[in-house]
N, C-alpha and C. Protein backbone atom coordinates (compact mmCIF):
# COMPACT_ATOMS: atom_id res chain seq x y z
N MET A 1 -12.15 14.59 2.05
CA MET A 1 -10.80 14.22 2.44
C MET A 1 -9.83 14.56 1.32
N ARG A 2 -8.69 15.12 1.70
CA ARG A 2 -7.66 15.50 0.74
C ARG A 2 -6.53 14.47 0.84
N ILE A 3 -6.35 13.71 -0.22
CA ILE A 3 -5.36 12.63 -0.21
C ILE A 3 -4.25 12.96 -1.19
N GLY A 4 -3.04 13.03 -0.67
CA GLY A 4 -1.89 13.29 -1.52
C GLY A 4 -1.44 12.02 -2.22
N VAL A 5 -1.17 12.14 -3.51
CA VAL A 5 -0.66 11.02 -4.30
C VAL A 5 0.72 11.42 -4.82
N VAL A 6 1.74 10.71 -4.40
CA VAL A 6 3.12 11.06 -4.75
C VAL A 6 3.46 10.55 -6.14
N THR A 7 4.13 11.39 -6.91
CA THR A 7 4.68 10.97 -8.19
C THR A 7 6.21 10.96 -8.11
N PHE A 8 6.78 9.79 -8.33
CA PHE A 8 8.23 9.62 -8.43
C PHE A 8 8.58 9.45 -9.91
N PRO A 9 9.82 9.67 -10.30
CA PRO A 9 10.22 9.27 -11.64
C PRO A 9 10.02 7.76 -11.79
N GLY A 10 9.22 7.35 -12.73
CA GLY A 10 8.93 5.93 -12.91
C GLY A 10 7.61 5.48 -12.32
N SER A 11 6.89 6.37 -11.63
CA SER A 11 5.56 5.99 -11.14
C SER A 11 4.65 5.69 -12.33
N LEU A 12 3.84 4.64 -12.20
CA LEU A 12 2.92 4.27 -13.27
C LEU A 12 1.45 4.42 -12.85
N ASP A 13 1.19 4.27 -11.56
CA ASP A 13 -0.19 4.19 -11.10
C ASP A 13 -0.61 5.41 -10.28
N ASP A 14 0.13 6.50 -10.39
CA ASP A 14 -0.25 7.70 -9.65
C ASP A 14 -1.58 8.26 -10.15
N GLN A 15 -1.78 8.27 -11.47
CA GLN A 15 -3.03 8.79 -12.01
C GLN A 15 -4.20 7.85 -11.70
N ASP A 16 -3.95 6.55 -11.68
CA ASP A 16 -4.98 5.59 -11.32
C ASP A 16 -5.41 5.80 -9.86
N ALA A 17 -4.41 6.02 -8.99
CA ALA A 17 -4.72 6.25 -7.58
C ALA A 17 -5.51 7.54 -7.40
N ALA A 18 -5.11 8.59 -8.13
CA ALA A 18 -5.82 9.88 -8.04
C ALA A 18 -7.25 9.73 -8.53
N ARG A 19 -7.45 8.97 -9.59
CA ARG A 19 -8.79 8.76 -10.12
C ARG A 19 -9.64 8.00 -9.10
N ALA A 20 -9.06 7.00 -8.46
CA ALA A 20 -9.80 6.25 -7.45
C ALA A 20 -10.22 7.14 -6.29
N VAL A 21 -9.32 8.02 -5.87
CA VAL A 21 -9.65 8.97 -4.80
C VAL A 21 -10.86 9.80 -5.20
N ARG A 22 -10.84 10.31 -6.42
CA ARG A 22 -11.96 11.15 -6.87
C ARG A 22 -13.26 10.35 -6.98
N LEU A 23 -13.18 9.12 -7.49
CA LEU A 23 -14.37 8.29 -7.61
C LEU A 23 -14.98 8.00 -6.24
N MET A 24 -14.15 7.98 -5.22
CA MET A 24 -14.63 7.72 -3.87
C MET A 24 -15.00 9.00 -3.12
N GLY A 25 -15.03 10.11 -3.84
CA GLY A 25 -15.51 11.36 -3.25
C GLY A 25 -14.46 12.22 -2.60
N GLY A 26 -13.19 11.86 -2.74
CA GLY A 26 -12.13 12.65 -2.15
C GLY A 26 -11.50 13.60 -3.14
N GLU A 27 -10.60 14.43 -2.64
CA GLU A 27 -9.82 15.34 -3.47
C GLU A 27 -8.40 14.80 -3.58
N ALA A 28 -7.97 14.52 -4.80
CA ALA A 28 -6.62 14.02 -5.04
C ALA A 28 -5.66 15.20 -5.18
N VAL A 29 -4.62 15.20 -4.39
CA VAL A 29 -3.64 16.29 -4.40
C VAL A 29 -2.31 15.72 -4.87
N GLY A 30 -1.79 16.22 -5.97
CA GLY A 30 -0.52 15.74 -6.49
C GLY A 30 0.64 16.19 -5.64
N LEU A 31 1.52 15.25 -5.29
CA LEU A 31 2.73 15.54 -4.53
C LEU A 31 3.94 15.11 -5.36
N TRP A 32 4.97 15.93 -5.38
CA TRP A 32 6.15 15.69 -6.22
C TRP A 32 7.29 15.16 -5.38
N HIS A 33 7.99 14.18 -5.91
CA HIS A 33 9.05 13.50 -5.17
C HIS A 33 10.15 14.44 -4.69
N ALA A 34 10.41 15.51 -5.43
CA ALA A 34 11.53 16.40 -5.11
C ALA A 34 11.15 17.53 -4.16
N SER A 35 9.92 17.55 -3.69
CA SER A 35 9.45 18.57 -2.76
C SER A 35 9.08 17.93 -1.43
N ASP A 36 9.35 18.63 -0.34
CA ASP A 36 8.96 18.11 0.97
C ASP A 36 7.65 18.73 1.45
N ASP A 37 6.92 19.38 0.55
CA ASP A 37 5.65 20.01 0.90
C ASP A 37 4.50 19.02 0.67
N LEU A 38 3.87 18.58 1.75
CA LEU A 38 2.73 17.66 1.63
C LEU A 38 1.40 18.40 1.50
N LYS A 39 1.45 19.71 1.46
CA LYS A 39 0.29 20.55 1.13
C LYS A 39 -0.88 20.35 2.08
N GLY A 40 -0.59 19.98 3.29
CA GLY A 40 -1.63 19.87 4.30
C GLY A 40 -2.64 18.77 4.07
N VAL A 41 -2.25 17.71 3.38
CA VAL A 41 -3.19 16.64 3.05
C VAL A 41 -3.55 15.84 4.31
N ASP A 42 -4.67 15.12 4.21
CA ASP A 42 -5.14 14.30 5.32
C ASP A 42 -4.53 12.90 5.30
N ALA A 43 -3.99 12.50 4.18
CA ALA A 43 -3.39 11.17 4.03
C ALA A 43 -2.53 11.17 2.78
N VAL A 44 -1.68 10.16 2.66
CA VAL A 44 -0.77 10.06 1.52
C VAL A 44 -0.83 8.65 0.94
N ILE A 45 -0.83 8.58 -0.39
CA ILE A 45 -0.70 7.30 -1.10
C ILE A 45 0.62 7.30 -1.87
N LEU A 46 1.41 6.26 -1.66
CA LEU A 46 2.60 6.02 -2.46
C LEU A 46 2.21 4.99 -3.51
N PRO A 47 2.15 5.36 -4.78
CA PRO A 47 1.56 4.47 -5.80
C PRO A 47 2.53 3.44 -6.34
N GLY A 48 1.98 2.56 -7.17
CA GLY A 48 2.79 1.55 -7.82
C GLY A 48 3.58 2.09 -8.99
N GLY A 49 4.51 1.29 -9.46
CA GLY A 49 5.36 1.69 -10.58
C GLY A 49 6.77 1.19 -10.37
N PHE A 50 7.71 1.95 -10.90
CA PHE A 50 9.13 1.58 -10.84
C PHE A 50 9.92 2.83 -10.48
N SER A 51 9.76 3.31 -9.26
CA SER A 51 10.37 4.58 -8.85
C SER A 51 11.87 4.56 -9.09
N TYR A 52 12.34 5.62 -9.75
CA TYR A 52 13.77 5.76 -10.10
C TYR A 52 14.28 4.53 -10.85
N GLY A 53 13.39 3.90 -11.62
CA GLY A 53 13.78 2.75 -12.42
C GLY A 53 14.05 1.49 -11.63
N ASP A 54 13.71 1.50 -10.31
CA ASP A 54 13.99 0.34 -9.44
C ASP A 54 15.48 -0.02 -9.43
N TYR A 55 16.34 0.98 -9.65
CA TYR A 55 17.78 0.72 -9.56
C TYR A 55 18.17 0.41 -8.12
N LEU A 56 19.25 -0.27 -7.93
CA LEU A 56 19.74 -0.79 -6.65
C LEU A 56 18.78 -1.86 -6.15
N ARG A 57 17.69 -1.43 -5.51
CA ARG A 57 16.58 -2.30 -5.10
C ARG A 57 15.30 -1.51 -5.29
N CYS A 58 14.19 -2.23 -5.39
CA CYS A 58 12.91 -1.53 -5.55
C CYS A 58 12.66 -0.61 -4.35
N GLY A 59 12.50 0.68 -4.63
CA GLY A 59 12.21 1.65 -3.58
C GLY A 59 13.42 2.20 -2.86
N ALA A 60 14.62 1.67 -3.17
CA ALA A 60 15.81 2.05 -2.40
C ALA A 60 16.22 3.50 -2.61
N ILE A 61 16.03 4.02 -3.81
CA ILE A 61 16.39 5.42 -4.07
C ILE A 61 15.26 6.34 -3.65
N ALA A 62 14.02 5.94 -3.93
CA ALA A 62 12.86 6.76 -3.56
C ALA A 62 12.84 7.04 -2.07
N ARG A 63 13.34 6.11 -1.29
CA ARG A 63 13.34 6.28 0.16
C ARG A 63 14.05 7.57 0.59
N PHE A 64 15.04 8.03 -0.22
CA PHE A 64 15.82 9.21 0.14
C PHE A 64 15.29 10.50 -0.50
N SER A 65 14.18 10.44 -1.17
CA SER A 65 13.62 11.64 -1.81
C SER A 65 13.11 12.61 -0.75
N PRO A 66 13.13 13.93 -1.05
CA PRO A 66 12.64 14.91 -0.08
C PRO A 66 11.22 14.63 0.40
N VAL A 67 10.35 14.19 -0.50
CA VAL A 67 8.97 13.94 -0.07
C VAL A 67 8.90 12.85 0.99
N MET A 68 9.76 11.84 0.88
CA MET A 68 9.72 10.75 1.83
C MET A 68 10.23 11.16 3.21
N GLU A 69 11.15 12.10 3.24
CA GLU A 69 11.60 12.60 4.54
C GLU A 69 10.42 13.17 5.32
N GLU A 70 9.54 13.89 4.63
CA GLU A 70 8.38 14.48 5.28
C GLU A 70 7.30 13.44 5.55
N VAL A 71 7.13 12.49 4.64
CA VAL A 71 6.16 11.42 4.87
C VAL A 71 6.55 10.63 6.12
N VAL A 72 7.82 10.29 6.26
CA VAL A 72 8.28 9.56 7.44
C VAL A 72 8.01 10.36 8.70
N ARG A 73 8.31 11.65 8.65
CA ARG A 73 8.12 12.51 9.84
C ARG A 73 6.65 12.56 10.23
N GLN A 74 5.77 12.82 9.25
CA GLN A 74 4.36 12.98 9.58
C GLN A 74 3.68 11.65 9.88
N ALA A 75 4.15 10.58 9.28
CA ALA A 75 3.61 9.26 9.63
C ALA A 75 3.86 8.95 11.09
N GLY A 76 5.00 9.40 11.59
CA GLY A 76 5.31 9.21 13.00
C GLY A 76 4.33 9.93 13.91
N GLY A 77 3.69 10.98 13.38
CA GLY A 77 2.69 11.72 14.13
C GLY A 77 1.27 11.25 13.89
N GLY A 78 1.11 10.20 13.07
CA GLY A 78 -0.21 9.62 12.86
C GLY A 78 -0.81 9.82 11.49
N LEU A 79 -0.12 10.48 10.56
CA LEU A 79 -0.66 10.68 9.22
C LEU A 79 -0.90 9.33 8.56
N PRO A 80 -2.12 9.08 8.03
CA PRO A 80 -2.36 7.82 7.32
C PRO A 80 -1.56 7.76 6.02
N VAL A 81 -0.87 6.65 5.81
CA VAL A 81 -0.07 6.45 4.60
C VAL A 81 -0.38 5.06 4.06
N LEU A 82 -0.66 4.99 2.76
CA LEU A 82 -0.88 3.71 2.09
C LEU A 82 0.16 3.54 0.99
N GLY A 83 0.94 2.49 1.07
CA GLY A 83 1.90 2.17 0.02
C GLY A 83 1.40 1.00 -0.79
N ILE A 84 1.23 1.20 -2.08
CA ILE A 84 0.70 0.17 -2.96
C ILE A 84 1.81 -0.34 -3.87
N CYS A 85 2.09 -1.64 -3.81
CA CYS A 85 3.08 -2.28 -4.68
C CYS A 85 4.45 -1.62 -4.51
N ASN A 86 4.90 -0.83 -5.46
CA ASN A 86 6.18 -0.14 -5.31
C ASN A 86 6.15 0.75 -4.07
N GLY A 87 4.98 1.29 -3.74
CA GLY A 87 4.84 2.09 -2.52
C GLY A 87 5.10 1.27 -1.27
N PHE A 88 4.67 0.01 -1.27
CA PHE A 88 4.96 -0.90 -0.16
C PHE A 88 6.46 -1.12 -0.06
N GLN A 89 7.11 -1.32 -1.19
CA GLN A 89 8.55 -1.50 -1.20
C GLN A 89 9.26 -0.27 -0.63
N ILE A 90 8.76 0.92 -0.98
CA ILE A 90 9.35 2.16 -0.47
C ILE A 90 9.16 2.25 1.04
N LEU A 91 7.99 1.89 1.54
CA LEU A 91 7.74 1.93 2.98
C LEU A 91 8.69 1.02 3.74
N CYS A 92 9.00 -0.14 3.17
CA CYS A 92 9.95 -1.05 3.80
C CYS A 92 11.36 -0.47 3.77
N GLU A 93 11.74 0.11 2.65
CA GLU A 93 13.07 0.73 2.55
C GLU A 93 13.21 1.90 3.52
N ALA A 94 12.10 2.62 3.75
CA ALA A 94 12.11 3.78 4.65
C ALA A 94 11.98 3.37 6.11
N ARG A 95 11.83 2.08 6.37
CA ARG A 95 11.70 1.52 7.70
C ARG A 95 10.41 1.97 8.40
N LEU A 96 9.44 2.39 7.62
CA LEU A 96 8.12 2.61 8.21
C LEU A 96 7.41 1.29 8.41
N LEU A 97 7.80 0.28 7.64
CA LEU A 97 7.31 -1.08 7.80
C LEU A 97 8.50 -2.03 7.78
N PRO A 98 8.40 -3.15 8.48
CA PRO A 98 9.53 -4.08 8.53
C PRO A 98 9.53 -5.02 7.33
N GLY A 99 10.66 -5.69 7.15
CA GLY A 99 10.76 -6.70 6.10
C GLY A 99 11.15 -6.12 4.76
N ALA A 100 11.03 -6.93 3.72
CA ALA A 100 11.43 -6.53 2.38
C ALA A 100 10.62 -7.30 1.35
N LEU A 101 10.50 -6.72 0.16
CA LEU A 101 9.87 -7.38 -0.98
C LEU A 101 10.97 -7.79 -1.94
N ILE A 102 11.07 -9.08 -2.23
CA ILE A 102 12.13 -9.58 -3.09
C ILE A 102 11.52 -10.21 -4.34
N ARG A 103 12.38 -10.72 -5.20
CA ARG A 103 11.95 -11.30 -6.48
C ARG A 103 10.94 -12.42 -6.25
N ASN A 104 9.90 -12.43 -7.06
CA ASN A 104 8.89 -13.48 -6.97
C ASN A 104 9.53 -14.86 -7.03
N GLU A 105 9.02 -15.77 -6.24
CA GLU A 105 9.54 -17.13 -6.21
C GLU A 105 9.45 -17.80 -7.58
N VAL A 106 8.41 -17.43 -8.35
CA VAL A 106 8.24 -18.01 -9.68
C VAL A 106 9.15 -17.36 -10.72
N ARG A 107 9.85 -16.28 -10.31
CA ARG A 107 10.84 -15.61 -11.14
C ARG A 107 10.25 -14.97 -12.41
N VAL A 108 8.96 -14.66 -12.37
CA VAL A 108 8.35 -13.96 -13.50
C VAL A 108 7.46 -12.85 -12.96
N PHE A 109 7.20 -11.87 -13.83
CA PHE A 109 6.26 -10.80 -13.49
C PHE A 109 4.87 -11.41 -13.46
N THR A 110 4.14 -11.17 -12.38
CA THR A 110 2.82 -11.77 -12.18
C THR A 110 1.75 -10.70 -12.23
N ALA A 111 0.75 -10.89 -13.09
CA ALA A 111 -0.38 -9.95 -13.19
C ALA A 111 -1.66 -10.77 -13.29
N LEU A 112 -2.54 -10.60 -12.31
CA LEU A 112 -3.79 -11.35 -12.30
C LEU A 112 -4.76 -10.75 -11.28
N ASP A 113 -6.01 -11.20 -11.35
CA ASP A 113 -7.01 -10.85 -10.35
C ASP A 113 -6.85 -11.84 -9.20
N GLN A 114 -6.40 -11.34 -8.06
CA GLN A 114 -5.96 -12.19 -6.97
C GLN A 114 -6.98 -12.22 -5.83
N ARG A 115 -7.29 -13.41 -5.36
CA ARG A 115 -8.14 -13.54 -4.18
C ARG A 115 -7.32 -13.28 -2.92
N LEU A 116 -7.96 -12.58 -1.98
CA LEU A 116 -7.32 -12.17 -0.73
C LEU A 116 -8.28 -12.41 0.43
N ARG A 117 -7.72 -12.49 1.62
CA ARG A 117 -8.53 -12.55 2.83
C ARG A 117 -8.11 -11.42 3.77
N VAL A 118 -9.07 -10.65 4.24
CA VAL A 118 -8.79 -9.56 5.17
C VAL A 118 -8.53 -10.14 6.56
N GLU A 119 -7.42 -9.75 7.15
CA GLU A 119 -7.05 -10.24 8.48
C GLU A 119 -7.23 -9.18 9.56
N ALA A 120 -6.82 -7.95 9.30
CA ALA A 120 -6.87 -6.89 10.31
C ALA A 120 -7.80 -5.78 9.85
N THR A 121 -8.73 -5.41 10.70
CA THR A 121 -9.70 -4.36 10.36
C THR A 121 -9.59 -3.17 11.31
N ASN A 122 -8.48 -3.08 12.03
CA ASN A 122 -8.29 -2.00 13.00
C ASN A 122 -7.30 -0.96 12.51
N THR A 123 -7.15 -0.84 11.18
CA THR A 123 -6.23 0.15 10.64
C THR A 123 -6.99 1.27 9.96
N ALA A 124 -6.27 2.34 9.66
CA ALA A 124 -6.88 3.49 8.98
C ALA A 124 -7.39 3.12 7.60
N TRP A 125 -6.89 2.04 7.03
CA TRP A 125 -7.19 1.70 5.64
C TRP A 125 -8.03 0.44 5.48
N THR A 126 -8.39 -0.24 6.57
CA THR A 126 -9.13 -1.51 6.44
C THR A 126 -10.34 -1.62 7.35
N ASN A 127 -10.70 -0.56 8.08
CA ASN A 127 -11.77 -0.68 9.08
C ASN A 127 -13.15 -0.86 8.47
N ALA A 128 -13.32 -0.64 7.16
CA ALA A 128 -14.62 -0.83 6.51
C ALA A 128 -14.88 -2.29 6.14
N TYR A 129 -13.87 -3.14 6.27
CA TYR A 129 -14.02 -4.55 5.97
C TYR A 129 -14.36 -5.32 7.26
N THR A 130 -14.66 -6.59 7.11
CA THR A 130 -14.87 -7.46 8.26
C THR A 130 -13.78 -8.53 8.28
N PRO A 131 -13.38 -8.97 9.48
CA PRO A 131 -12.33 -10.00 9.56
C PRO A 131 -12.75 -11.25 8.79
N GLY A 132 -11.84 -11.75 7.98
CA GLY A 132 -12.12 -12.93 7.19
C GLY A 132 -12.80 -12.66 5.86
N GLN A 133 -13.14 -11.40 5.60
CA GLN A 133 -13.80 -11.07 4.34
C GLN A 133 -12.87 -11.38 3.17
N GLU A 134 -13.40 -11.97 2.13
CA GLU A 134 -12.61 -12.30 0.95
C GLU A 134 -12.81 -11.26 -0.14
N LEU A 135 -11.71 -10.87 -0.77
CA LEU A 135 -11.70 -9.85 -1.81
C LEU A 135 -11.02 -10.41 -3.05
N THR A 136 -11.31 -9.80 -4.18
CA THR A 136 -10.54 -10.05 -5.39
C THR A 136 -10.03 -8.71 -5.90
N ILE A 137 -8.72 -8.58 -5.93
CA ILE A 137 -8.07 -7.31 -6.29
C ILE A 137 -6.88 -7.62 -7.19
N ALA A 138 -6.65 -6.77 -8.16
CA ALA A 138 -5.57 -6.97 -9.13
C ALA A 138 -4.20 -6.89 -8.47
N ILE A 139 -3.30 -7.74 -8.91
CA ILE A 139 -1.89 -7.61 -8.56
C ILE A 139 -1.09 -7.58 -9.86
N LYS A 140 0.10 -6.95 -9.78
CA LYS A 140 1.02 -6.92 -10.93
C LYS A 140 2.39 -6.57 -10.40
N ASN A 141 3.26 -7.54 -10.30
CA ASN A 141 4.57 -7.28 -9.72
C ASN A 141 5.56 -8.35 -10.12
N GLY A 142 6.83 -7.98 -10.06
CA GLY A 142 7.91 -8.93 -10.25
C GLY A 142 8.68 -9.17 -8.97
N GLU A 143 8.54 -8.23 -8.00
CA GLU A 143 9.21 -8.32 -6.70
C GLU A 143 8.17 -8.14 -5.60
N GLY A 144 7.25 -9.09 -5.54
CA GLY A 144 6.16 -9.00 -4.56
C GLY A 144 6.25 -10.03 -3.47
N ASN A 145 7.39 -10.67 -3.35
CA ASN A 145 7.61 -11.77 -2.41
C ASN A 145 8.02 -11.19 -1.06
N TYR A 146 7.06 -11.08 -0.13
CA TYR A 146 7.35 -10.48 1.18
C TYR A 146 8.11 -11.46 2.06
N GLN A 147 9.24 -10.98 2.61
CA GLN A 147 10.05 -11.79 3.50
C GLN A 147 10.53 -10.96 4.67
N ALA A 148 10.70 -11.61 5.81
CA ALA A 148 11.25 -10.97 7.00
C ALA A 148 11.81 -12.08 7.88
N ASP A 149 12.64 -11.71 8.85
CA ASP A 149 13.20 -12.74 9.73
C ASP A 149 12.11 -13.31 10.63
N ALA A 150 12.40 -14.44 11.23
CA ALA A 150 11.40 -15.17 12.00
C ALA A 150 10.84 -14.34 13.16
N ALA A 151 11.69 -13.57 13.82
CA ALA A 151 11.21 -12.75 14.95
C ALA A 151 10.23 -11.69 14.47
N THR A 152 10.50 -11.10 13.32
CA THR A 152 9.60 -10.08 12.78
C THR A 152 8.26 -10.69 12.40
N ILE A 153 8.30 -11.87 11.78
CA ILE A 153 7.05 -12.54 11.41
C ILE A 153 6.24 -12.87 12.66
N ARG A 154 6.89 -13.36 13.70
CA ARG A 154 6.18 -13.65 14.94
C ARG A 154 5.54 -12.39 15.51
N GLU A 155 6.25 -11.28 15.45
CA GLU A 155 5.71 -10.02 15.95
C GLU A 155 4.52 -9.56 15.13
N LEU A 156 4.63 -9.61 13.80
CA LEU A 156 3.52 -9.21 12.94
C LEU A 156 2.29 -10.07 13.18
N GLU A 157 2.49 -11.38 13.27
CA GLU A 157 1.37 -12.29 13.47
C GLU A 157 0.77 -12.13 14.87
N GLY A 158 1.64 -12.02 15.86
CA GLY A 158 1.17 -11.96 17.24
C GLY A 158 0.45 -10.68 17.59
N SER A 159 0.80 -9.59 16.90
CA SER A 159 0.19 -8.29 17.19
C SER A 159 -0.92 -7.94 16.20
N GLY A 160 -1.28 -8.87 15.34
CA GLY A 160 -2.37 -8.63 14.41
C GLY A 160 -2.08 -7.59 13.34
N ARG A 161 -0.83 -7.54 12.90
CA ARG A 161 -0.44 -6.51 11.93
C ARG A 161 -0.39 -7.03 10.50
N VAL A 162 -0.71 -8.31 10.30
CA VAL A 162 -0.91 -8.79 8.92
C VAL A 162 -2.29 -8.33 8.49
N VAL A 163 -2.35 -7.49 7.46
CA VAL A 163 -3.60 -6.83 7.07
C VAL A 163 -4.40 -7.70 6.11
N VAL A 164 -3.74 -8.22 5.07
CA VAL A 164 -4.40 -9.11 4.11
C VAL A 164 -3.45 -10.24 3.74
N ARG A 165 -4.04 -11.40 3.41
CA ARG A 165 -3.27 -12.56 2.97
C ARG A 165 -3.77 -13.01 1.61
N TYR A 166 -2.86 -13.62 0.86
CA TYR A 166 -3.23 -14.24 -0.40
C TYR A 166 -4.00 -15.53 -0.14
N ILE A 167 -5.00 -15.78 -0.96
CA ILE A 167 -5.63 -17.09 -1.02
C ILE A 167 -5.12 -17.73 -2.31
N GLY A 168 -4.12 -18.59 -2.15
CA GLY A 168 -3.39 -19.10 -3.32
C GLY A 168 -2.22 -18.16 -3.58
N ASN A 169 -1.11 -18.43 -2.91
CA ASN A 169 0.04 -17.52 -2.92
C ASN A 169 0.68 -17.44 -4.30
N PRO A 170 0.70 -16.23 -4.93
CA PRO A 170 1.21 -16.12 -6.30
C PRO A 170 2.71 -15.86 -6.40
N ASN A 171 3.35 -15.53 -5.27
CA ASN A 171 4.74 -15.07 -5.39
C ASN A 171 5.70 -15.61 -4.34
N GLY A 172 5.22 -16.44 -3.42
CA GLY A 172 6.10 -17.03 -2.41
C GLY A 172 6.20 -16.29 -1.11
N SER A 173 5.39 -15.25 -0.90
CA SER A 173 5.45 -14.47 0.33
C SER A 173 5.29 -15.36 1.56
N VAL A 174 6.09 -15.09 2.57
CA VAL A 174 6.03 -15.88 3.79
C VAL A 174 4.63 -15.73 4.41
N ASN A 175 4.08 -16.84 4.86
CA ASN A 175 2.77 -16.88 5.51
C ASN A 175 1.65 -16.28 4.64
N ASP A 176 1.86 -16.28 3.33
CA ASP A 176 0.87 -15.75 2.38
C ASP A 176 0.58 -14.26 2.60
N ILE A 177 1.53 -13.53 3.14
CA ILE A 177 1.31 -12.12 3.49
C ILE A 177 1.25 -11.25 2.24
N ALA A 178 0.15 -10.51 2.11
CA ALA A 178 -0.04 -9.59 0.99
C ALA A 178 0.01 -8.13 1.43
N GLY A 179 -0.09 -7.89 2.74
CA GLY A 179 -0.06 -6.53 3.24
C GLY A 179 0.08 -6.51 4.75
N ILE A 180 0.76 -5.49 5.27
CA ILE A 180 1.00 -5.36 6.70
C ILE A 180 0.78 -3.91 7.14
N ALA A 181 0.71 -3.71 8.44
CA ALA A 181 0.55 -2.37 9.02
C ALA A 181 1.64 -2.12 10.05
N ASN A 182 1.82 -0.84 10.39
CA ASN A 182 2.71 -0.51 11.50
C ASN A 182 1.95 -0.70 12.81
N GLU A 183 2.61 -0.50 13.93
CA GLU A 183 1.99 -0.75 15.23
C GLU A 183 0.78 0.14 15.45
N ARG A 184 0.84 1.36 14.99
CA ARG A 184 -0.24 2.33 15.21
C ARG A 184 -1.42 2.10 14.27
N GLY A 185 -1.18 1.45 13.15
CA GLY A 185 -2.24 1.16 12.19
C GLY A 185 -2.52 2.27 11.21
N ASN A 186 -1.71 3.31 11.23
CA ASN A 186 -1.92 4.41 10.26
C ASN A 186 -1.14 4.20 8.97
N VAL A 187 -0.13 3.33 9.00
CA VAL A 187 0.69 3.05 7.82
C VAL A 187 0.42 1.61 7.37
N VAL A 188 0.01 1.46 6.13
CA VAL A 188 -0.28 0.14 5.57
C VAL A 188 0.44 -0.02 4.24
N GLY A 189 1.02 -1.18 4.03
CA GLY A 189 1.64 -1.50 2.74
C GLY A 189 0.95 -2.71 2.14
N LEU A 190 0.64 -2.63 0.85
CA LEU A 190 -0.05 -3.69 0.13
C LEU A 190 0.65 -3.98 -1.18
N MET A 191 0.73 -5.24 -1.57
CA MET A 191 1.12 -5.53 -2.94
C MET A 191 -0.06 -5.46 -3.90
N PRO A 192 -1.26 -5.87 -3.52
CA PRO A 192 -2.42 -5.70 -4.43
C PRO A 192 -2.72 -4.23 -4.68
N HIS A 193 -3.46 -3.96 -5.75
CA HIS A 193 -3.75 -2.60 -6.22
C HIS A 193 -5.23 -2.26 -6.03
N PRO A 194 -5.65 -1.79 -4.87
CA PRO A 194 -7.07 -1.47 -4.68
C PRO A 194 -7.57 -0.37 -5.59
N GLU A 195 -6.68 0.51 -6.06
CA GLU A 195 -7.11 1.60 -6.94
C GLU A 195 -7.60 1.09 -8.29
N HIS A 196 -7.26 -0.15 -8.63
CA HIS A 196 -7.73 -0.73 -9.88
C HIS A 196 -9.08 -1.43 -9.73
N ASN A 197 -9.59 -1.47 -8.51
CA ASN A 197 -10.85 -2.18 -8.26
C ASN A 197 -11.86 -1.28 -7.54
N VAL A 198 -12.12 -0.14 -8.15
CA VAL A 198 -13.13 0.77 -7.60
C VAL A 198 -14.23 1.10 -8.61
N ASP A 199 -14.00 0.85 -9.89
CA ASP A 199 -14.93 1.23 -10.95
C ASP A 199 -15.52 -0.01 -11.60
N ALA A 200 -16.81 -0.22 -11.39
CA ALA A 200 -17.47 -1.42 -11.90
C ALA A 200 -17.46 -1.50 -13.42
N ASP A 201 -17.26 -0.38 -14.11
CA ASP A 201 -17.26 -0.38 -15.56
C ASP A 201 -15.99 -0.98 -16.16
N ILE A 202 -14.92 -1.01 -15.38
CA ILE A 202 -13.66 -1.46 -15.95
C ILE A 202 -12.97 -2.56 -15.14
N ALA A 203 -13.49 -2.88 -13.97
CA ALA A 203 -12.82 -3.86 -13.11
C ALA A 203 -13.70 -5.08 -12.86
N LEU A 204 -13.06 -6.20 -12.57
CA LEU A 204 -13.78 -7.43 -12.28
C LEU A 204 -14.64 -7.27 -11.02
N THR A 205 -14.09 -6.56 -10.00
CA THR A 205 -14.83 -6.29 -8.76
C THR A 205 -14.60 -4.85 -8.35
N THR A 206 -15.35 -4.40 -7.37
CA THR A 206 -15.10 -3.10 -6.74
C THR A 206 -14.63 -3.30 -5.30
N ASP A 207 -13.94 -4.41 -5.06
CA ASP A 207 -13.51 -4.76 -3.72
C ASP A 207 -12.47 -3.80 -3.14
N GLY A 208 -11.83 -3.00 -3.99
CA GLY A 208 -10.85 -2.04 -3.50
C GLY A 208 -11.46 -0.81 -2.85
N ARG A 209 -12.75 -0.61 -3.03
CA ARG A 209 -13.40 0.59 -2.48
C ARG A 209 -13.28 0.67 -0.97
N GLY A 210 -13.24 -0.47 -0.31
CA GLY A 210 -13.19 -0.47 1.15
C GLY A 210 -11.97 0.22 1.73
N PHE A 211 -10.85 0.21 1.01
CA PHE A 211 -9.65 0.87 1.53
C PHE A 211 -9.88 2.38 1.61
N PHE A 212 -10.55 2.92 0.62
CA PHE A 212 -10.80 4.36 0.60
C PHE A 212 -11.94 4.73 1.54
N ALA A 213 -12.96 3.88 1.62
CA ALA A 213 -14.05 4.11 2.57
C ALA A 213 -13.54 4.03 4.01
N SER A 214 -12.58 3.13 4.25
CA SER A 214 -11.98 3.01 5.59
C SER A 214 -11.29 4.30 5.99
N LEU A 215 -10.54 4.88 5.05
CA LEU A 215 -9.85 6.12 5.36
C LEU A 215 -10.85 7.22 5.70
N GLU A 216 -11.92 7.32 4.92
CA GLU A 216 -12.93 8.35 5.19
C GLU A 216 -13.51 8.18 6.60
N ALA A 217 -13.82 6.94 6.97
CA ALA A 217 -14.36 6.67 8.31
C ALA A 217 -13.34 7.00 9.38
N PHE A 218 -12.07 6.65 9.13
CA PHE A 218 -10.99 6.93 10.10
C PHE A 218 -10.84 8.43 10.30
N LEU A 219 -10.82 9.20 9.22
CA LEU A 219 -10.64 10.65 9.33
C LEU A 219 -11.83 11.32 10.01
N ALA A 220 -13.01 10.73 9.86
CA ALA A 220 -14.19 11.30 10.50
C ALA A 220 -14.13 11.18 12.02
N ARG A 221 -13.32 10.25 12.49
CA ARG A 221 -13.23 10.02 13.93
C ARG A 221 -12.10 10.79 14.60
N VAL A 222 -11.18 11.30 13.81
CA VAL A 222 -10.02 11.97 14.41
C VAL A 222 -10.20 13.48 14.42
């Protein structure tokens, strides 16, 4: 599988994401924010960091980059897209996912190994897990507080589009939401960083491997 990893000015975890792709047997393809060429990849990862310095709002400027115009277009046709942390914020700004990520309720940058519960296993990025499975995956964010209006939350909950929840909410996210999917299940946004939990030599767990294994299984079926 060829997975494109986008680099924006201010990206911090693009190399970590690329390394995780390679460790999981895939080919990491670098994609540049100023180009609309996705190089024929099978999927795209929008990595964590501080794209364009997080000026205005997190992800607000990155949303208008040439690469995102093409990501939005191809996601509409079914291209799997995973937004991690800042990538999740960009997906919300691009309206590929509803809601917004705002300042943590605790008003501090939070970095820890976070317990999570898998809720939805019918997406391109979570089908290797089982419903209710508990994971421990690193988080690190200052604006990880997911919020949306009541109607949107009802829709996400009612249609099974909440992908993972926090066990012990670290940032105030409504309904403990740590990640969501679009209606089709090909676009997923997460605040946790699965790319940091694939290598047993450096991580507390390898619980992030399932996101990449899920993509491989999804691509094998299409």
